[in-house]
Amino acid sequence: MITFKKFKICVLVIFAFVNIFYISPSFSLSAREDLFKNALDLSSAGKFNLALTEWNHYLDLYPDDAAGLSNRGNVRLVIGDAEGSINDQNKSINLNPSEIDPYINRGIAEEALGLWSEAKKDYMFVISKNSENSSALYNLANVEGSTSNWEKARDLFSKAALYNPGFAMARSSMALADFQLGNIDESENELKKLIRRYPTFVDARAALTALNWSKGEFGKAESNWIAVTELDPRYSDKEWLIKVRRWPPKPTKNLMNFIDLK
């Protein structure tokens, strides 16, 4: 039994992946490990085109390696091939149906194609196996939000944060869902807590900018926005905010109104 680390795009976490395989006499175990590690290192370093080449080479030699297939699928998704990613995750699941990570990875690729019901099914499967899987809970919350079920999304973000207390993005997303639902005091309190703990956490700064603006607190909004523009200029891009980051409509509208006034 060999334990490999597995490149994960979900929530920027790298999980362990246990894979059982057999080595042909013509190829040493250490050489196989080296090939896998090289492809994994390139993936984790963000050198995705090179990583894809290495995963292709690895899988030419070991086409039934479930971990290799799932890792290649993640790289394919990052470079824009969501359908190819789903194909790799399907193969990985067929080879090792008890491993939950490929279901999460497939769900992410399905989300990229707007296949909400398929993604929801994959995340629900993971949660049925592990009700405290914060990655699946968070991603399912994003699906619920993308289909305008913000109350469900808020509950799921809260659970993801509960089971992973250091999951700052889950807490920020929960606060944004509260903003959307009109729970302004709860949203503001959570965002302020996040900023006190993580002063450079740009998502919370941007969300508080929008919330300050909604309350007519222009000076506070301006102060938070200065930090946002220095940290991540993508928050001024409405399309990115809705389609990629997946903010709710109300905080998005408030932030865009603030930016337009400036």
Protein backbone atom coordinates (compact mmCIF):
# COMPACT_ATOMS: atom_id res chain seq x y z
CA MET A 1 0.00 0.00 0.00
CA ILE A 2 1.40 3.40 -1.03
CA THR A 3 0.13 6.72 0.28
CA PHE A 4 0.33 9.60 -2.14
CA LYS A 5 -0.47 13.25 -1.66
CA LYS A 6 -3.07 14.35 -4.11
CA PHE A 7 -3.33 17.70 -5.87
CA LYS A 8 -6.65 19.25 -4.97
CA ILE A 9 -8.33 22.28 -6.46
CA CYS A 10 -11.17 22.19 -3.97
CA VAL A 11 -10.75 24.84 -1.28
CA LEU A 12 -7.00 24.89 -1.98
CA VAL A 13 -6.36 21.86 0.20
CA ILE A 14 -4.06 18.93 -0.56
CA PHE A 15 -5.43 15.66 0.82
CA ALA A 16 -3.79 12.29 1.22
CA PHE A 17 -4.82 9.64 -1.26
CA VAL A 18 -4.26 5.95 -0.57
CA ASN A 19 -3.81 3.88 -3.70
CA ILE A 20 -3.06 0.17 -4.02
CA PHE A 21 -1.28 -0.91 -7.19
CA TYR A 22 1.05 -3.48 -8.64
CA ILE A 23 4.43 -2.71 -10.18
CA SER A 24 5.57 -4.50 -13.28
CA PRO A 25 9.03 -6.12 -13.02
CA SER A 26 10.33 -3.83 -15.76
CA PHE A 27 9.73 -0.64 -13.76
CA SER A 28 10.94 0.00 -10.20
CA LEU A 29 8.73 1.24 -7.39
CA SER A 30 10.99 4.21 -6.73
CA ALA A 31 10.89 5.25 -10.38
CA ARG A 32 7.10 5.14 -10.37
CA GLU A 33 6.98 7.19 -7.18
CA ASP A 34 9.36 9.71 -8.73
CA LEU A 35 7.13 10.11 -11.80
CA PHE A 36 4.06 10.60 -9.64
CA LYS A 37 5.82 13.05 -7.33
CA ASN A 38 7.17 15.08 -10.22
CA ALA A 39 3.71 15.46 -11.76
CA LEU A 40 2.22 16.27 -8.35
CA ASP A 41 4.89 18.88 -7.60
CA LEU A 42 4.31 20.59 -10.95
CA SER A 43 0.57 20.63 -10.25
CA SER A 44 0.98 22.10 -6.78
CA ALA A 45 3.42 24.72 -8.14
CA GLY A 46 0.84 25.89 -10.66
CA LYS A 47 2.81 24.76 -13.71
CA PHE A 48 -0.27 23.19 -15.17
CA ASN A 49 0.74 22.67 -18.80
CA LEU A 50 3.92 20.91 -17.74
CA ALA A 51 1.97 18.97 -15.12
CA LEU A 52 -0.51 17.78 -17.74
CA THR A 53 2.33 16.46 -19.87
CA GLU A 54 3.76 14.60 -16.90
CA TRP A 55 0.40 13.14 -15.88
CA ASN A 56 -0.16 12.01 -19.46
CA HIS A 57 3.21 10.26 -19.42
CA TYR A 58 2.50 8.68 -16.04
CA LEU A 59 -0.92 7.43 -17.12
CA ASP A 60 0.45 6.05 -20.37
CA LEU A 61 2.47 3.74 -18.14
CA TYR A 62 -0.17 3.23 -15.44
CA PRO A 63 -3.60 3.80 -17.00
CA ASP A 64 -5.43 2.23 -14.04
CA ASP A 65 -4.01 4.48 -11.35
CA ALA A 66 -7.03 6.13 -9.71
CA ALA A 67 -4.99 8.84 -7.96
CA GLY A 68 -3.17 9.76 -11.16
CA LEU A 69 -6.44 10.02 -13.07
CA SER A 70 -8.06 12.25 -10.46
CA ASN A 71 -4.99 14.48 -10.28
CA ARG A 72 -4.89 14.84 -14.06
CA GLY A 73 -8.59 15.64 -14.00
CA ASN A 74 -7.93 18.51 -11.60
CA VAL A 75 -5.21 19.89 -13.85
CA ARG A 76 -7.48 19.60 -16.87
CA LEU A 77 -10.13 21.63 -15.07
CA VAL A 78 -7.67 24.38 -14.16
CA ILE A 79 -6.62 24.78 -17.81
CA GLY A 80 -10.24 24.92 -18.95
CA ASP A 81 -11.10 21.35 -19.96
CA ALA A 82 -14.03 20.63 -17.63
CA GLU A 83 -15.37 17.78 -19.77
CA GLY A 84 -11.95 16.10 -19.84
CA SER A 85 -11.77 16.56 -16.07
CA ILE A 86 -15.11 14.82 -15.58
CA ASN A 87 -13.96 11.96 -17.80
CA ASP A 88 -10.85 11.45 -15.65
CA GLN A 89 -12.84 11.64 -12.41
CA ASN A 90 -15.33 9.09 -13.78
CA LYS A 91 -12.48 6.68 -14.50
CA SER A 92 -10.98 7.27 -11.06
CA ILE A 93 -14.33 6.59 -9.38
CA ASN A 94 -14.86 3.42 -11.41
CA LEU A 95 -11.46 2.16 -10.29
CA ASN A 96 -11.87 3.13 -6.64
CA PRO A 97 -15.52 3.94 -5.85
CA SER A 98 -14.94 4.14 -2.09
CA GLU A 99 -12.51 7.10 -2.33
CA ILE A 100 -14.50 10.31 -1.85
CA ASP A 101 -12.10 12.94 -3.24
CA PRO A 102 -12.83 12.21 -6.92
CA TYR A 103 -16.54 12.82 -6.25
CA ILE A 104 -15.69 16.28 -4.91
CA ASN A 105 -13.37 16.92 -7.85
CA ARG A 106 -16.04 15.81 -10.33
CA GLY A 107 -18.55 18.07 -8.61
CA ILE A 108 -16.27 21.06 -9.09
CA ALA A 109 -15.93 20.29 -12.80
CA GLU A 110 -19.69 19.88 -13.08
CA GLU A 111 -20.16 23.27 -11.44
CA ALA A 112 -17.84 24.79 -14.03
CA LEU A 113 -20.30 23.58 -16.69
CA GLY A 114 -23.34 24.75 -14.73
CA LEU A 115 -24.44 21.17 -14.07
CA TRP A 116 -25.87 22.02 -10.68
CA SER A 117 -27.94 18.89 -10.05
CA GLU A 118 -25.04 16.60 -10.98
CA ALA A 119 -22.66 18.52 -8.72
CA LYS A 120 -25.18 18.48 -5.89
CA LYS A 121 -25.53 14.72 -6.21
CA ASP A 122 -21.77 14.23 -5.93
CA TYR A 123 -21.46 16.48 -2.88
CA MET A 124 -24.44 14.83 -1.21
CA PHE A 125 -22.82 11.43 -1.76
CA VAL A 126 -19.66 12.62 0.02
CA ILE A 127 -21.69 14.08 2.89
CA SER A 128 -23.59 10.79 3.22
CA LYS A 129 -20.23 9.10 3.81
CA ASN A 130 -18.83 11.86 6.01
CA SER A 131 -21.29 14.43 7.34
CA GLU A 132 -18.44 16.65 8.54
CA ASN A 133 -16.59 16.95 5.22
CA SER A 134 -16.15 20.72 5.10
CA SER A 135 -15.11 20.75 1.43
CA ALA A 136 -18.29 19.01 0.29
CA LEU A 137 -20.44 21.16 2.59
CA TYR A 138 -18.86 24.36 1.28
CA ASN A 139 -19.19 23.35 -2.37
CA LEU A 140 -22.78 22.23 -1.88
CA ALA A 141 -23.47 25.63 -0.33
CA ASN A 142 -22.09 27.27 -3.46
CA VAL A 143 -24.43 25.16 -5.58
CA GLU A 144 -27.41 26.17 -3.43
CA GLY A 145 -26.39 29.81 -3.72
CA SER A 146 -25.98 29.52 -7.47
CA THR A 147 -29.57 28.32 -7.66
CA SER A 148 -30.74 31.15 -5.34
CA ASN A 149 -31.33 28.96 -2.28
CA TRP A 150 -29.52 31.33 0.07
CA GLU A 151 -31.06 30.04 3.30
CA LYS A 152 -29.79 26.53 2.53
CA ALA A 153 -26.48 27.97 1.42
CA ARG A 154 -26.12 29.91 4.66
CA ASP A 155 -26.76 26.78 6.74
CA LEU A 156 -24.22 24.76 4.77
CA PHE A 157 -21.55 27.47 4.95
CA SER A 158 -22.11 27.55 8.70
CA LYS A 159 -21.62 23.79 8.96
CA ALA A 160 -18.46 23.91 6.84
CA ALA A 161 -17.04 26.56 9.18
CA LEU A 162 -18.13 24.62 12.26
CA TYR A 163 -16.33 21.45 11.21
CA ASN A 164 -13.27 23.37 10.02
CA PRO A 165 -12.84 26.40 12.31
CA GLY A 166 -9.92 27.75 10.28
CA PHE A 167 -11.96 27.79 7.06
CA ALA A 168 -12.12 31.57 6.69
CA MET A 169 -13.76 31.54 3.25
CA ALA A 170 -16.66 29.49 4.61
CA ARG A 171 -17.20 32.06 7.35
CA SER A 172 -17.00 34.94 4.88
CA SER A 173 -19.46 33.18 2.57
CA MET A 174 -21.80 32.64 5.51
CA ALA A 175 -21.63 36.36 6.28
CA LEU A 176 -22.37 37.19 2.63
CA ALA A 177 -25.38 34.85 2.72
CA ASP A 178 -26.57 36.64 5.86
CA PHE A 179 -26.16 39.96 4.01
CA GLN A 180 -28.29 38.60 1.16
CA LEU A 181 -30.94 37.39 3.61
CA GLY A 182 -31.11 40.74 5.42
CA ASN A 183 -29.32 39.59 8.57
CA ILE A 184 -27.12 42.66 8.53
CA ASP A 185 -25.98 42.68 12.16
CA GLU A 186 -24.95 39.02 12.02
CA SER A 187 -23.12 39.58 8.76
CA GLU A 188 -21.27 42.65 10.03
CA ASN A 189 -20.23 40.99 13.29
CA GLU A 190 -18.81 37.96 11.48
CA LEU A 191 -16.92 40.04 8.92
CA LYS A 192 -15.38 42.19 11.65
CA LYS A 193 -14.29 39.08 13.55
CA LEU A 194 -12.66 37.73 10.41
CA ILE A 195 -10.81 40.96 9.72
CA ARG A 196 -9.56 41.19 13.30
CA ARG A 197 -8.14 37.69 12.98
CA TYR A 198 -7.02 37.95 9.35
CA PRO A 199 -6.36 41.65 8.59
CA THR A 200 -5.40 40.96 4.97
CA PHE A 201 -8.34 38.65 4.19
CA VAL A 202 -9.56 40.41 1.09
CA ASP A 203 -12.95 38.68 0.72
CA ALA A 204 -14.08 39.86 4.15
CA ARG A 205 -12.72 43.37 3.47
CA ALA A 206 -14.64 43.58 0.20
CA ALA A 207 -17.81 42.24 1.81
CA LEU A 208 -17.55 44.77 4.63
CA THR A 209 -17.05 47.51 2.05
CA ALA A 210 -20.37 46.57 0.45
CA LEU A 211 -22.09 46.31 3.83
CA ASN A 212 -20.72 49.69 4.99
CA TRP A 213 -21.98 51.24 1.77
CA SER A 214 -25.44 49.71 2.24
CA LYS A 215 -25.62 51.41 5.66
CA GLY A 216 -24.48 54.76 4.30
CA GLU A 217 -21.09 54.52 6.03
CA PHE A 218 -19.04 55.84 3.12
CA GLY A 219 -15.88 56.58 5.12
CA LYS A 220 -15.72 53.05 6.51
CA ALA A 221 -16.42 51.62 3.07
CA GLU A 222 -13.62 53.69 1.58
CA SER A 223 -11.18 52.56 4.26
CA ASN A 224 -11.86 48.88 3.64
CA TRP A 225 -11.85 49.31 -0.14
CA ILE A 226 -8.34 50.78 -0.11
CA ALA A 227 -7.10 47.52 1.40
CA VAL A 228 -9.05 45.48 -1.16
CA THR A 229 -7.59 47.26 -4.18
CA GLU A 230 -4.08 46.72 -2.84
CA LEU A 231 -4.69 43.02 -2.18
CA ASP A 232 -6.83 41.77 -5.08
CA PRO A 233 -8.18 43.98 -7.89
CA ARG A 234 -10.53 41.24 -9.13
CA TYR A 235 -13.17 42.39 -6.66
CA SER A 236 -13.93 45.34 -8.90
CA ASP A 237 -14.91 42.92 -11.70
CA LYS A 238 -18.64 42.20 -11.44
CA GLU A 239 -18.52 39.17 -13.75
CA TRP A 240 -15.71 37.58 -11.75
CA LEU A 241 -17.46 38.33 -8.49
CA ILE A 242 -20.68 36.62 -9.57
CA LYS A 243 -19.47 33.79 -11.80
CA VAL A 244 -16.17 32.82 -10.17
CA ARG A 245 -16.27 33.95 -6.54
CA ARG A 246 -20.06 33.53 -6.54
CA TRP A 247 -21.15 36.33 -4.29
CA PRO A 248 -24.90 36.78 -3.69
CA PRO A 249 -26.74 39.47 -5.72
CA LYS A 250 -27.37 41.99 -2.91
CA PRO A 251 -23.76 42.46 -1.68
CA THR A 252 -22.58 42.41 -5.30
CA LYS A 253 -24.99 45.21 -6.22
CA ASN A 254 -23.92 47.29 -3.23
CA LEU A 255 -20.23 46.88 -3.99
CA MET A 256 -20.72 47.78 -7.64
CA ASN A 257 -22.75 50.87 -6.67
CA PHE A 258 -19.94 51.92 -4.35
CA ILE A 259 -17.35 51.45 -7.11
CA ASP A 260 -19.48 53.27 -9.69
CA LEU A 261 -19.80 56.27 -7.41
CA LYS A 262 -16.04 56.42 -7.07
